[in-house]
Amino acid sequence: MLEDIRNCYRVGKVLFSGHAKNEMDEEEFGRIIENEVNEVVLNGRIIEHYSDDTPYPSCLIFGRTEKNRPLHVVCAYSGDDDLAIIITVYQPDPQKWINYERRKL
């Protein structure tokens, strides 16, 4: 799935949901810009799979921006449309995540 998403990024076939745009603008740790999301998707890795999500399976990508900012991107891939869909984006709270990769219990 990650390679399909990255291929969409490379050719500009990416859709940001309204929710993602809102979360990016109102992120509690500071506004997230599209370029930061691009950096994470193109260089990060999947840390959780949500194969039962509808209408498309999705995944949680963790990565760091060029400025070392940790971000999580929930992204789906539509094979029918060959389109990456950014569902939400946020900077993970270190009090809720271990090394930003595993949820604290």
N, C-alpha and C. Protein backbone atom coordinates (compact mmCIF):
# COMPACT_ATOMS: atom_id res chain seq x y z
N MET A 1 0.82 -1.20 0.00
CA MET A 1 0.00 0.00 0.00
C MET A 1 0.86 1.26 0.00
N LEU A 2 1.95 1.26 0.75
CA LEU A 2 2.78 2.46 0.86
C LEU A 2 3.37 2.83 -0.50
N GLU A 3 3.79 1.86 -1.26
CA GLU A 3 4.37 2.17 -2.57
C GLU A 3 3.31 2.76 -3.51
N ASP A 4 2.08 2.24 -3.44
CA ASP A 4 0.99 2.81 -4.25
C ASP A 4 0.74 4.26 -3.85
N ILE A 5 0.73 4.54 -2.55
CA ILE A 5 0.52 5.90 -2.05
C ILE A 5 1.65 6.81 -2.52
N ARG A 6 2.87 6.33 -2.40
CA ARG A 6 4.01 7.14 -2.84
C ARG A 6 3.98 7.41 -4.34
N ASN A 7 3.58 6.43 -5.12
CA ASN A 7 3.46 6.64 -6.56
C ASN A 7 2.44 7.73 -6.87
N CYS A 8 1.33 7.74 -6.13
CA CYS A 8 0.33 8.79 -6.30
C CYS A 8 0.94 10.16 -5.98
N TYR A 9 1.73 10.24 -4.94
CA TYR A 9 2.38 11.49 -4.57
C TYR A 9 3.28 11.99 -5.68
N ARG A 10 4.01 11.07 -6.27
CA ARG A 10 4.97 11.45 -7.31
C ARG A 10 4.30 12.05 -8.54
N VAL A 11 3.04 11.65 -8.79
CA VAL A 11 2.34 12.17 -9.97
C VAL A 11 1.21 13.14 -9.61
N GLY A 12 1.15 13.53 -8.35
CA GLY A 12 0.17 14.55 -7.93
C GLY A 12 -1.25 14.06 -7.80
N LYS A 13 -1.44 12.76 -7.55
CA LYS A 13 -2.80 12.22 -7.39
C LYS A 13 -3.08 12.02 -5.91
N VAL A 14 -3.25 13.14 -5.21
CA VAL A 14 -3.44 13.15 -3.76
C VAL A 14 -4.63 14.04 -3.43
N LEU A 15 -5.49 13.53 -2.56
CA LEU A 15 -6.65 14.28 -2.10
C LEU A 15 -6.58 14.42 -0.58
N PHE A 16 -6.61 15.66 -0.08
CA PHE A 16 -6.66 15.91 1.35
C PHE A 16 -8.12 16.05 1.75
N SER A 17 -8.55 15.26 2.72
CA SER A 17 -9.93 15.39 3.21
C SER A 17 -10.07 16.73 3.93
N GLY A 18 -11.31 17.19 4.05
CA GLY A 18 -11.57 18.40 4.80
C GLY A 18 -11.11 18.26 6.25
N HIS A 19 -11.30 17.06 6.79
CA HIS A 19 -10.86 16.80 8.17
C HIS A 19 -9.35 16.96 8.29
N ALA A 20 -8.61 16.41 7.33
CA ALA A 20 -7.14 16.53 7.36
C ALA A 20 -6.72 17.99 7.31
N LYS A 21 -7.32 18.76 6.40
CA LYS A 21 -6.97 20.18 6.28
C LYS A 21 -7.26 20.93 7.58
N ASN A 22 -8.39 20.63 8.20
CA ASN A 22 -8.75 21.27 9.46
C ASN A 22 -7.75 20.91 10.56
N GLU A 23 -7.42 19.62 10.65
CA GLU A 23 -6.46 19.19 11.67
C GLU A 23 -5.09 19.82 11.45
N MET A 24 -4.68 19.95 10.21
CA MET A 24 -3.39 20.58 9.90
C MET A 24 -3.38 22.03 10.33
N ASP A 25 -4.46 22.74 10.08
CA ASP A 25 -4.54 24.16 10.44
C ASP A 25 -4.60 24.37 11.95
N GLU A 26 -5.23 23.42 12.67
CA GLU A 26 -5.48 23.62 14.09
C GLU A 26 -4.65 22.72 15.00
N GLU A 27 -3.59 22.14 14.48
CA GLU A 27 -2.73 21.25 15.26
C GLU A 27 -2.23 21.95 16.52
N GLU A 28 -2.40 21.29 17.66
CA GLU A 28 -2.04 21.92 18.94
C GLU A 28 -0.55 22.20 19.08
N PHE A 29 0.31 21.47 18.37
CA PHE A 29 1.75 21.69 18.45
C PHE A 29 2.25 22.63 17.35
N GLY A 30 1.34 23.23 16.60
CA GLY A 30 1.70 24.17 15.54
C GLY A 30 1.21 23.68 14.18
N ARG A 31 0.81 24.61 13.37
CA ARG A 31 0.25 24.33 12.04
C ARG A 31 1.15 23.38 11.24
N ILE A 32 0.53 22.47 10.51
CA ILE A 32 1.23 21.52 9.64
C ILE A 32 0.98 21.96 8.20
N ILE A 33 2.04 22.05 7.42
CA ILE A 33 1.89 22.43 6.02
C ILE A 33 1.98 21.19 5.12
N GLU A 34 1.44 21.32 3.91
CA GLU A 34 1.39 20.18 2.99
C GLU A 34 2.77 19.60 2.71
N ASN A 35 3.78 20.44 2.59
CA ASN A 35 5.12 19.95 2.31
C ASN A 35 5.61 19.00 3.41
N GLU A 36 5.24 19.29 4.65
CA GLU A 36 5.63 18.40 5.75
C GLU A 36 4.96 17.03 5.60
N VAL A 37 3.70 17.04 5.19
CA VAL A 37 2.99 15.78 4.95
C VAL A 37 3.68 15.01 3.83
N ASN A 38 4.03 15.71 2.76
CA ASN A 38 4.73 15.07 1.64
C ASN A 38 6.02 14.40 2.11
N GLU A 39 6.81 15.10 2.92
CA GLU A 39 8.06 14.55 3.42
C GLU A 39 7.83 13.27 4.20
N VAL A 40 6.82 13.26 5.04
CA VAL A 40 6.53 12.09 5.87
C VAL A 40 6.05 10.92 5.02
N VAL A 41 5.15 11.17 4.09
CA VAL A 41 4.63 10.09 3.25
C VAL A 41 5.75 9.49 2.40
N LEU A 42 6.59 10.33 1.84
CA LEU A 42 7.64 9.84 0.95
C LEU A 42 8.81 9.19 1.67
N ASN A 43 8.98 9.49 2.96
CA ASN A 43 10.14 8.96 3.68
C ASN A 43 9.81 8.15 4.93
N GLY A 44 8.54 8.15 5.33
CA GLY A 44 8.16 7.46 6.56
C GLY A 44 7.87 5.99 6.35
N ARG A 45 7.27 5.39 7.38
CA ARG A 45 6.91 3.97 7.29
C ARG A 45 5.57 3.73 7.96
N ILE A 46 4.93 2.66 7.53
CA ILE A 46 3.64 2.29 8.11
C ILE A 46 3.86 1.68 9.49
N ILE A 47 3.13 2.21 10.48
CA ILE A 47 3.23 1.64 11.83
C ILE A 47 1.94 0.96 12.26
N GLU A 48 0.84 1.22 11.55
CA GLU A 48 -0.42 0.53 11.82
C GLU A 48 -1.18 0.38 10.51
N HIS A 49 -1.85 -0.76 10.35
CA HIS A 49 -2.70 -1.02 9.19
C HIS A 49 -4.15 -1.03 9.65
N TYR A 50 -5.03 -0.43 8.87
CA TYR A 50 -6.46 -0.42 9.15
C TYR A 50 -7.18 -1.04 7.94
N SER A 51 -6.99 -2.32 7.76
CA SER A 51 -7.49 -3.00 6.56
C SER A 51 -9.01 -3.08 6.50
N ASP A 52 -9.70 -2.88 7.62
CA ASP A 52 -11.16 -2.94 7.63
C ASP A 52 -11.82 -1.57 7.41
N ASP A 53 -11.01 -0.52 7.26
CA ASP A 53 -11.58 0.82 7.04
C ASP A 53 -12.37 0.84 5.73
N THR A 54 -13.43 1.64 5.72
CA THR A 54 -14.21 1.81 4.51
C THR A 54 -14.30 3.29 4.18
N PRO A 55 -14.40 3.67 2.96
CA PRO A 55 -14.56 2.80 1.79
C PRO A 55 -13.26 2.18 1.30
N TYR A 56 -12.10 2.60 1.87
CA TYR A 56 -10.81 2.05 1.45
C TYR A 56 -9.98 1.68 2.67
N PRO A 57 -9.21 0.61 2.59
CA PRO A 57 -8.28 0.32 3.67
C PRO A 57 -7.30 1.49 3.82
N SER A 58 -6.84 1.69 5.04
CA SER A 58 -5.92 2.80 5.27
C SER A 58 -4.78 2.34 6.17
N CYS A 59 -3.87 3.27 6.42
CA CYS A 59 -2.73 2.95 7.26
C CYS A 59 -2.28 4.22 7.98
N LEU A 60 -1.51 4.02 9.04
CA LEU A 60 -0.91 5.12 9.79
C LEU A 60 0.57 5.15 9.45
N ILE A 61 0.99 6.26 8.87
CA ILE A 61 2.39 6.43 8.50
C ILE A 61 3.05 7.35 9.52
N PHE A 62 4.20 6.91 10.02
CA PHE A 62 5.00 7.76 10.91
C PHE A 62 6.27 8.15 10.19
N GLY A 63 6.63 9.41 10.35
CA GLY A 63 7.89 9.88 9.80
C GLY A 63 8.25 11.21 10.42
N ARG A 64 9.41 11.67 10.02
CA ARG A 64 9.89 12.97 10.50
C ARG A 64 10.12 13.87 9.30
N THR A 65 9.84 15.13 9.50
CA THR A 65 10.07 16.10 8.44
C THR A 65 11.57 16.39 8.36
N GLU A 66 11.95 17.16 7.36
CA GLU A 66 13.37 17.54 7.23
C GLU A 66 13.84 18.31 8.45
N LYS A 67 12.91 18.97 9.14
CA LYS A 67 13.26 19.71 10.36
C LYS A 67 13.11 18.84 11.61
N ASN A 68 12.96 17.52 11.40
CA ASN A 68 12.89 16.52 12.47
C ASN A 68 11.58 16.55 13.26
N ARG A 69 10.55 17.13 12.71
CA ARG A 69 9.24 17.14 13.37
C ARG A 69 8.56 15.79 13.16
N PRO A 70 8.15 15.12 14.25
CA PRO A 70 7.45 13.84 14.10
C PRO A 70 6.00 14.08 13.70
N LEU A 71 5.53 13.32 12.69
CA LEU A 71 4.14 13.45 12.28
C LEU A 71 3.55 12.08 12.01
N HIS A 72 2.25 11.99 12.21
CA HIS A 72 1.46 10.83 11.82
C HIS A 72 0.53 11.26 10.70
N VAL A 73 0.43 10.41 9.67
CA VAL A 73 -0.46 10.65 8.54
C VAL A 73 -1.30 9.40 8.36
N VAL A 74 -2.61 9.55 8.46
CA VAL A 74 -3.52 8.44 8.15
C VAL A 74 -3.91 8.61 6.70
N CYS A 75 -3.61 7.58 5.91
CA CYS A 75 -3.77 7.67 4.47
C CYS A 75 -4.43 6.41 3.93
N ALA A 76 -5.28 6.59 2.94
CA ALA A 76 -5.92 5.47 2.25
C ALA A 76 -5.49 5.50 0.78
N TYR A 77 -5.67 4.36 0.14
CA TYR A 77 -5.37 4.28 -1.28
C TYR A 77 -6.58 3.72 -2.01
N SER A 78 -7.04 4.46 -3.02
CA SER A 78 -8.14 4.00 -3.86
C SER A 78 -7.54 3.42 -5.14
N GLY A 79 -7.58 2.09 -5.24
CA GLY A 79 -7.08 1.44 -6.44
C GLY A 79 -7.93 1.76 -7.65
N ASP A 80 -9.24 1.92 -7.45
CA ASP A 80 -10.14 2.24 -8.56
C ASP A 80 -9.79 3.57 -9.21
N ASP A 81 -9.40 4.53 -8.37
CA ASP A 81 -9.09 5.87 -8.87
C ASP A 81 -7.59 6.14 -8.94
N ASP A 82 -6.77 5.19 -8.46
CA ASP A 82 -5.33 5.38 -8.34
C ASP A 82 -5.06 6.73 -7.66
N LEU A 83 -5.57 6.84 -6.42
CA LEU A 83 -5.56 8.10 -5.69
C LEU A 83 -5.19 7.85 -4.24
N ALA A 84 -4.27 8.66 -3.71
CA ALA A 84 -3.96 8.66 -2.29
C ALA A 84 -4.88 9.65 -1.60
N ILE A 85 -5.48 9.24 -0.50
CA ILE A 85 -6.41 10.08 0.23
C ILE A 85 -5.86 10.30 1.64
N ILE A 86 -5.56 11.55 1.95
CA ILE A 86 -5.07 11.89 3.29
C ILE A 86 -6.28 12.10 4.18
N ILE A 87 -6.44 11.22 5.16
CA ILE A 87 -7.61 11.25 6.02
C ILE A 87 -7.41 12.21 7.19
N THR A 88 -6.26 12.11 7.83
CA THR A 88 -5.93 13.05 8.90
C THR A 88 -4.42 13.11 9.07
N VAL A 89 -3.98 14.19 9.69
CA VAL A 89 -2.56 14.43 9.95
C VAL A 89 -2.46 15.07 11.32
N TYR A 90 -1.48 14.63 12.09
CA TYR A 90 -1.27 15.26 13.40
C TYR A 90 0.14 14.99 13.90
N GLN A 91 0.56 15.82 14.83
CA GLN A 91 1.82 15.58 15.52
C GLN A 91 1.49 14.76 16.75
N PRO A 92 2.06 13.55 16.87
CA PRO A 92 1.69 12.70 17.99
C PRO A 92 2.15 13.27 19.32
N ASP A 93 1.30 13.12 20.32
CA ASP A 93 1.58 13.58 21.67
C ASP A 93 2.53 12.58 22.33
N PRO A 94 3.72 13.01 22.75
CA PRO A 94 4.68 12.08 23.35
C PRO A 94 4.17 11.42 24.63
N GLN A 95 3.13 11.99 25.24
CA GLN A 95 2.56 11.37 26.43
C GLN A 95 1.64 10.21 26.08
N LYS A 96 1.26 10.09 24.79
CA LYS A 96 0.37 9.02 24.35
C LYS A 96 1.07 7.97 23.49
N TRP A 97 2.33 8.26 23.10
CA TRP A 97 3.06 7.37 22.19
C TRP A 97 4.45 7.08 22.73
N ILE A 98 4.92 5.87 22.52
CA ILE A 98 6.29 5.48 22.84
C ILE A 98 7.11 5.68 21.57
N ASN A 99 8.08 6.58 21.63
CA ASN A 99 8.91 6.91 20.47
C ASN A 99 8.06 7.27 19.24
N TYR A 100 6.87 7.76 19.46
CA TYR A 100 5.92 8.16 18.42
C TYR A 100 5.46 7.00 17.53
N GLU A 101 5.79 5.77 17.91
CA GLU A 101 5.50 4.62 17.06
C GLU A 101 4.56 3.60 17.68
N ARG A 102 4.48 3.55 18.99
CA ARG A 102 3.58 2.59 19.65
C ARG A 102 2.74 3.34 20.66
N ARG A 103 1.45 2.99 20.66
CA ARG A 103 0.54 3.62 21.62
C ARG A 103 0.87 3.18 23.04
N LYS A 104 0.84 4.14 23.96
CA LYS A 104 1.00 3.78 25.37
C LYS A 104 -0.29 3.17 25.86
N LEU A 105 -0.19 2.20 26.72
CA LEU A 105 -1.39 1.54 27.25
C LEU A 105 -2.03 2.35 28.35
